[in-house]
Amino acid sequence: MEEAELVKQMIAGDRDAFTHIMERYQPQALRAAYLISGNHADSEDIVQETFAACFLYRNQIKNPEAFKGWFYRTLSRNAWKICRRTKKEQPVAEPYAGDIPDPTETLKEVILREEEKALYSAIEALPVKQRAVIVLYYYSQMSIKEIAKALGCMEGTVKSRLFHGKAKLKELLQESEKNGGRTWTILS
């Protein structure tokens, strides 16, 4: 079933449609929430609060086709609120990801895991608003326009945060390389 139809049914109060939406969005929502908050428990709280708000305030959704933006705006605001409340704007080194391969299987997986850890470390060093834009753009595959709607800001602000966030990531990864870390060919 199409997402817009599920959203319409959810707005009408259909709990099964809401369950399907939760199943669709939960993995990406947990990952985004973790990358923004940096804490497993906080990310679960963020996602839980977001889904609760999703059902409680479903009547405020005016355009079912724009649900994704509405959902991520709610998630981002919940994440920022929890970051302020817990005063944790720096995530820990290990990201929430149920699908990261076991590093003991092959050397390639070990190298991939090390690259991911270095990248997540660099992402966690970003200010929370730059981090949110990076996460939504690269990990949730949202467009600039969708992110602007989700975060309630101008597209230019999203572009600026994305530009400065990428520049800071590049700087951090190059600094890591100088200190004996991985060579990042992606930065060339």
C-alpha atoms as a PDB file:
ATOM      1  CA  MET A   1       0.000   0.000   0.000  1.00  0.00           C
ATOM      2  CA  GLU A   2       1.233   3.497  -0.797  1.00  0.00           C
ATOM      3  CA  GLU A   3       2.496   5.649   2.047  1.00  0.00           C
ATOM      4  CA  ALA A   4       0.036   8.493   1.389  1.00  0.00           C
ATOM      5  CA  GLU A   5      -2.874   6.055   1.650  1.00  0.00           C
ATOM      6  CA  LEU A   6      -1.511   4.652   4.918  1.00  0.00           C
ATOM      7  CA  VAL A   7      -1.163   8.185   6.279  1.00  0.00           C
ATOM      8  CA  LYS A   8      -4.764   8.993   5.295  1.00  0.00           C
ATOM      9  CA  GLN A   9      -5.947   5.873   7.093  1.00  0.00           C
ATOM     10  CA  MET A  10      -3.841   6.747  10.135  1.00  0.00           C
ATOM     11  CA  ILE A  11      -5.316  10.259  10.188  1.00  0.00           C
ATOM     12  CA  ALA A  12      -8.749   8.612  10.207  1.00  0.00           C
ATOM     13  CA  GLY A  13      -7.673   6.668  13.321  1.00  0.00           C
ATOM     14  CA  ASP A  14      -6.733   3.310  11.800  1.00  0.00           C
ATOM     15  CA  ARG A  15      -4.261   1.726  14.228  1.00  0.00           C
ATOM     16  CA  ASP A  16      -3.180  -0.937  11.714  1.00  0.00           C
ATOM     17  CA  ALA A  17      -2.125   1.788   9.279  1.00  0.00           C
ATOM     18  CA  PHE A  18      -0.200   3.457  12.103  1.00  0.00           C
ATOM     19  CA  THR A  19       1.512   0.137  12.865  1.00  0.00           C
ATOM     20  CA  HIS A  20       2.567  -0.189   9.209  1.00  0.00           C
ATOM     21  CA  ILE A  21       3.945   3.362   9.242  1.00  0.00           C
ATOM     22  CA  MET A  22       5.877   2.583  12.435  1.00  0.00           C
ATOM     23  CA  GLU A  23       7.354  -0.556  10.875  1.00  0.00           C
ATOM     24  CA  ARG A  24       8.367   1.417   7.785  1.00  0.00           C
ATOM     25  CA  TYR A  25       9.983   4.327   9.607  1.00  0.00           C
ATOM     26  CA  GLN A  26      11.410   2.781  12.778  1.00  0.00           C
ATOM     27  CA  PRO A  27      14.829   1.579  11.496  1.00  0.00           C
ATOM     28  CA  GLN A  28      15.708   4.874   9.808  1.00  0.00           C
ATOM     29  CA  ALA A  29      14.205   6.869  12.671  1.00  0.00           C
ATOM     30  CA  LEU A  30      16.321   5.015  15.255  1.00  0.00           C
ATOM     31  CA  ARG A  31      19.465   5.550  13.218  1.00  0.00           C
ATOM     32  CA  ALA A  32      18.744   9.251  12.662  1.00  0.00           C
ATOM     33  CA  ALA A  33      17.817   9.765  16.316  1.00  0.00           C
ATOM     34  CA  TYR A  34      20.990   8.026  17.455  1.00  0.00           C
ATOM     35  CA  LEU A  35      23.220   9.978  15.129  1.00  0.00           C
ATOM     36  CA  ILE A  36      21.677  13.230  16.364  1.00  0.00           C
ATOM     37  CA  SER A  37      21.507  12.394  20.093  1.00  0.00           C
ATOM     38  CA  GLY A  38      24.458  10.028  20.419  1.00  0.00           C
ATOM     39  CA  ASN A  39      22.820   7.788  22.964  1.00  0.00           C
ATOM     40  CA  HIS A  40      20.938   4.499  22.491  1.00  0.00           C
ATOM     41  CA  ALA A  41      18.469   5.152  25.300  1.00  0.00           C
ATOM     42  CA  ASP A  42      17.873   8.728  24.170  1.00  0.00           C
ATOM     43  CA  SER A  43      17.391   7.621  20.560  1.00  0.00           C
ATOM     44  CA  GLU A  44      14.756   5.114  21.628  1.00  0.00           C
ATOM     45  CA  ASP A  45      13.028   7.829  23.684  1.00  0.00           C
ATOM     46  CA  ILE A  46      13.154  10.210  20.724  1.00  0.00           C
ATOM     47  CA  VAL A  47      11.616   7.657  18.374  1.00  0.00           C
ATOM     48  CA  GLN A  48       8.982   6.668  20.921  1.00  0.00           C
ATOM     49  CA  GLU A  49       8.023  10.310  21.511  1.00  0.00           C
ATOM     50  CA  THR A  50       7.967  10.933  17.766  1.00  0.00           C
ATOM     51  CA  PHE A  51       5.625   8.016  17.082  1.00  0.00           C
ATOM     52  CA  ALA A  52       3.414   9.031  20.004  1.00  0.00           C
ATOM     53  CA  ALA A  53       3.213  12.573  18.604  1.00  0.00           C
ATOM     54  CA  CYS A  54       2.600  11.116  15.160  1.00  0.00           C
ATOM     55  CA  PHE A  55      -0.544   9.375  16.351  1.00  0.00           C
ATOM     56  CA  LEU A  56      -1.700  11.993  18.868  1.00  0.00           C
ATOM     57  CA  TYR A  57      -1.327  14.911  16.446  1.00  0.00           C
ATOM     58  CA  ARG A  58      -2.272  13.043  13.269  1.00  0.00           C
ATOM     59  CA  ASN A  59      -5.086  15.511  12.623  1.00  0.00           C
ATOM     60  CA  GLN A  60      -2.485  18.239  12.116  1.00  0.00           C
ATOM     61  CA  ILE A  61      -1.117  16.455   9.055  1.00  0.00           C
ATOM     62  CA  LYS A  62      -2.670  18.445   6.227  1.00  0.00           C
ATOM     63  CA  ASN A  63      -0.867  16.802   3.314  1.00  0.00           C
ATOM     64  CA  PRO A  64      -0.382  13.004   3.546  1.00  0.00           C
ATOM     65  CA  GLU A  65       2.141  13.165   0.674  1.00  0.00           C
ATOM     66  CA  ALA A  66       4.375  15.396   2.843  1.00  0.00           C
ATOM     67  CA  PHE A  67       4.283  13.017   5.820  1.00  0.00           C
ATOM     68  CA  LYS A  68       8.005  12.186   5.621  1.00  0.00           C
ATOM     69  CA  GLY A  69       8.987  15.823   6.149  1.00  0.00           C
ATOM     70  CA  TRP A  70       6.471  16.231   8.987  1.00  0.00           C
ATOM     71  CA  PHE A  71       7.755  13.051  10.635  1.00  0.00           C
ATOM     72  CA  TYR A  72      11.432  14.042  10.462  1.00  0.00           C
ATOM     73  CA  ARG A  73      10.675  17.590  11.640  1.00  0.00           C
ATOM     74  CA  THR A  74       8.991  16.078  14.695  1.00  0.00           C
ATOM     75  CA  LEU A  75      11.885  13.638  15.207  1.00  0.00           C
ATOM     76  CA  SER A  76      14.513  16.394  14.887  1.00  0.00           C
ATOM     77  CA  ARG A  77      12.740  18.671  17.321  1.00  0.00           C
ATOM     78  CA  ASN A  78      12.363  15.834  19.827  1.00  0.00           C
ATOM     79  CA  ALA A  79      16.071  15.050  19.422  1.00  0.00           C
ATOM     80  CA  TRP A  80      17.080  18.670  19.953  1.00  0.00           C
ATOM     81  CA  LYS A  81      14.836  18.886  23.000  1.00  0.00           C
ATOM     82  CA  ILE A  82      16.400  15.774  24.514  1.00  0.00           C
ATOM     83  CA  CYS A  83      19.930  16.991  23.642  1.00  0.00           C
ATOM     84  CA  ARG A  84      19.212  20.239  25.478  1.00  0.00           C
ATOM     85  CA  ARG A  85      17.594  18.424  28.393  1.00  0.00           C
ATOM     86  CA  THR A  86      20.401  15.919  28.841  1.00  0.00           C
ATOM     87  CA  LYS A  87      23.081  18.415  27.751  1.00  0.00           C
ATOM     88  CA  LYS A  88      24.564  15.727  25.506  1.00  0.00           C
ATOM     89  CA  GLU A  89      25.351  17.109  22.121  1.00  0.00           C
ATOM     90  CA  GLN A  90      28.210  14.716  21.442  1.00  0.00           C
ATOM     91  CA  PRO A  91      27.347  11.088  20.569  1.00  0.00           C
ATOM     92  CA  VAL A  92      29.417   8.180  21.828  1.00  0.00           C
ATOM     93  CA  ALA A  93      31.728   6.397  19.431  1.00  0.00           C
ATOM     94  CA  GLU A  94      29.512   3.427  18.462  1.00  0.00           C
ATOM     95  CA  PRO A  95      26.427   4.117  16.293  1.00  0.00           C
ATOM     96  CA  TYR A  96      23.085   2.372  16.578  1.00  0.00           C
ATOM     97  CA  ALA A  97      22.965  -0.022  13.682  1.00  0.00           C
ATOM     98  CA  GLY A  98      21.578  -3.514  13.769  1.00  0.00           C
ATOM     99  CA  ASP A  99      22.930  -4.297  10.321  1.00  0.00           C
ATOM    100  CA  ILE A 100      26.642  -3.540  10.749  1.00  0.00           C
ATOM    101  CA  PRO A 101      28.515  -6.716   9.781  1.00  0.00           C
ATOM    102  CA  ASP A 102      30.519  -8.719  12.322  1.00  0.00           C
ATOM    103  CA  PRO A 103      34.078  -7.376  12.070  1.00  0.00           C
ATOM    104  CA  THR A 104      35.616 -10.814  12.742  1.00  0.00           C
ATOM    105  CA  GLU A 105      34.271 -12.341   9.508  1.00  0.00           C
ATOM    106  CA  THR A 106      36.718 -10.788   7.056  1.00  0.00           C
ATOM    107  CA  LEU A 107      39.456  -8.214   6.871  1.00  0.00           C
ATOM    108  CA  LYS A 108      37.281  -6.142   4.541  1.00  0.00           C
ATOM    109  CA  GLU A 109      34.563  -5.923   7.180  1.00  0.00           C
ATOM    110  CA  VAL A 110      37.110  -4.870   9.802  1.00  0.00           C
ATOM    111  CA  ILE A 111      38.370  -2.073   7.560  1.00  0.00           C
ATOM    112  CA  LEU A 112      34.805  -0.980   6.784  1.00  0.00           C
ATOM    113  CA  ARG A 113      33.941  -0.899  10.466  1.00  0.00           C
ATOM    114  CA  GLU A 114      37.027   1.186  11.259  1.00  0.00           C
ATOM    115  CA  GLU A 115      36.105   3.656   8.512  1.00  0.00           C
ATOM    116  CA  GLU A 116      32.559   3.865   9.862  1.00  0.00           C
ATOM    117  CA  LYS A 117      33.826   4.475  13.389  1.00  0.00           C
ATOM    118  CA  ALA A 118      36.088   7.260  12.171  1.00  0.00           C
ATOM    119  CA  LEU A 119      33.243   8.789  10.183  1.00  0.00           C
ATOM    120  CA  TYR A 120      30.797   8.545  13.108  1.00  0.00           C
ATOM    121  CA  SER A 121      33.426  10.061  15.375  1.00  0.00           C
ATOM    122  CA  ALA A 122      33.770  12.992  12.996  1.00  0.00           C
ATOM    123  CA  ILE A 123      29.978  13.347  12.714  1.00  0.00           C
ATOM    124  CA  GLU A 124      29.610  13.376  16.479  1.00  0.00           C
ATOM    125  CA  ALA A 125      32.055  16.278  16.690  1.00  0.00           C
ATOM    126  CA  LEU A 126      29.729  18.489  14.627  1.00  0.00           C
ATOM    127  CA  PRO A 127      27.307  20.940  16.259  1.00  0.00           C
ATOM    128  CA  VAL A 128      23.890  19.292  16.707  1.00  0.00           C
ATOM    129  CA  LYS A 129      22.137  21.285  13.953  1.00  0.00           C
ATOM    130  CA  GLN A 130      24.858  20.544  11.383  1.00  0.00           C
ATOM    131  CA  ARG A 131      24.809  16.928  12.520  1.00  0.00           C
ATOM    132  CA  ALA A 132      21.038  16.740  12.014  1.00  0.00           C
ATOM    133  CA  VAL A 133      21.321  18.066   8.452  1.00  0.00           C
ATOM    134  CA  ILE A 134      24.159  15.655   7.611  1.00  0.00           C
ATOM    135  CA  VAL A 135      22.206  12.703   9.049  1.00  0.00           C
ATOM    136  CA  LEU A 136      18.975  13.585   7.258  1.00  0.00           C
ATOM    137  CA  TYR A 137      20.743  14.238   3.952  1.00  0.00           C
ATOM    138  CA  TYR A 138      23.122  11.280   3.836  1.00  0.00           C
ATOM    139  CA  TYR A 139      21.538   8.649   6.067  1.00  0.00           C
ATOM    140  CA  SER A 140      17.836   9.353   5.487  1.00  0.00           C
ATOM    141  CA  GLN A 141      18.308  10.363   1.823  1.00  0.00           C
ATOM    142  CA  MET A 142      16.184  13.494   2.194  1.00  0.00           C
ATOM    143  CA  SER A 143      16.445  16.377  -0.263  1.00  0.00           C
ATOM    144  CA  ILE A 144      17.430  19.919   0.743  1.00  0.00           C
ATOM    145  CA  LYS A 145      13.803  20.961   0.367  1.00  0.00           C
ATOM    146  CA  GLU A 146      12.553  18.069   2.535  1.00  0.00           C
ATOM    147  CA  ILE A 147      15.123  18.822   5.221  1.00  0.00           C
ATOM    148  CA  ALA A 148      14.174  22.512   5.231  1.00  0.00           C
ATOM    149  CA  LYS A 149      10.534  21.566   5.748  1.00  0.00           C
ATOM    150  CA  ALA A 150      11.438  18.973   8.357  1.00  0.00           C
ATOM    151  CA  LEU A 151      13.598  21.359  10.367  1.00  0.00           C
ATOM    152  CA  GLY A 152      11.429  24.414   9.829  1.00  0.00           C
ATOM    153  CA  CYS A 153      14.155  26.532   8.281  1.00  0.00           C
ATOM    154  CA  MET A 154      15.053  28.010   4.910  1.00  0.00           C
ATOM    155  CA  GLU A 155      16.664  25.914   2.177  1.00  0.00           C
ATOM    156  CA  GLY A 156      19.641  28.273   2.268  1.00  0.00           C
ATOM    157  CA  THR A 157      20.131  27.491   5.955  1.00  0.00           C
ATOM    158  CA  VAL A 158      20.116  23.763   5.188  1.00  0.00           C
ATOM    159  CA  LYS A 159      22.622  24.279   2.355  1.00  0.00           C
ATOM    160  CA  SER A 160      24.836  26.344   4.641  1.00  0.00           C
ATOM    161  CA  ARG A 161      24.732  23.762   7.428  1.00  0.00           C
ATOM    162  CA  LEU A 162      25.400  21.001   4.916  1.00  0.00           C
ATOM    163  CA  PHE A 163      28.313  22.902   3.351  1.00  0.00           C
ATOM    164  CA  HIS A 164      29.916  23.809   6.673  1.00  0.00           C
ATOM    165  CA  GLY A 165      29.223  20.359   8.112  1.00  0.00           C
ATOM    166  CA  LYS A 166      30.893  18.639   5.146  1.00  0.00           C
ATOM    167  CA  ALA A 167      33.851  21.024   5.335  1.00  0.00           C
ATOM    168  CA  LYS A 168      34.239  20.312   9.052  1.00  0.00           C
ATOM    169  CA  LEU A 169      33.945  16.548   8.421  1.00  0.00           C
ATOM    170  CA  LYS A 170      36.645  16.762   5.760  1.00  0.00           C
ATOM    171  CA  GLU A 171      38.880  18.710   8.133  1.00  0.00           C
ATOM    172  CA  LEU A 172      38.334  16.222  10.962  1.00  0.00           C
ATOM    173  CA  LEU A 173      38.939  13.195   8.739  1.00  0.00           C
ATOM    174  CA  GLN A 174      42.109  14.718   7.272  1.00  0.00           C
ATOM    175  CA  GLU A 175      43.303  15.513  10.784  1.00  0.00           C
ATOM    176  CA  SER A 176      42.634  11.889  11.731  1.00  0.00           C
ATOM    177  CA  GLU A 177      44.641  10.765   8.695  1.00  0.00           C
ATOM    178  CA  LYS A 178      47.595  12.916   9.776  1.00  0.00           C
ATOM    179  CA  ASN A 179      47.469  11.247  13.192  1.00  0.00           C
ATOM    180  CA  GLY A 180      47.913   7.799  11.658  1.00  0.00           C
ATOM    181  CA  GLY A 181      44.313   7.133  10.698  1.00  0.00           C
ATOM    182  CA  ARG A 182      42.816   5.914   7.449  1.00  0.00           C
ATOM    183  CA  THR A 183      43.486   7.620   4.115  1.00  0.00           C
ATOM    184  CA  TRP A 184      40.177   9.005   2.856  1.00  0.00           C
ATOM    185  CA  THR A 185      40.075   8.747  -0.912  1.00  0.00           C
ATOM    186  CA  ILE A 186      36.512  10.028  -0.849  1.00  0.00           C
ATOM    187  CA  LEU A 187      37.842  13.455   0.163  1.00  0.00           C
ATOM    188  CA  SER A 188      39.941  13.849  -2.981  1.00  0.00           C
END
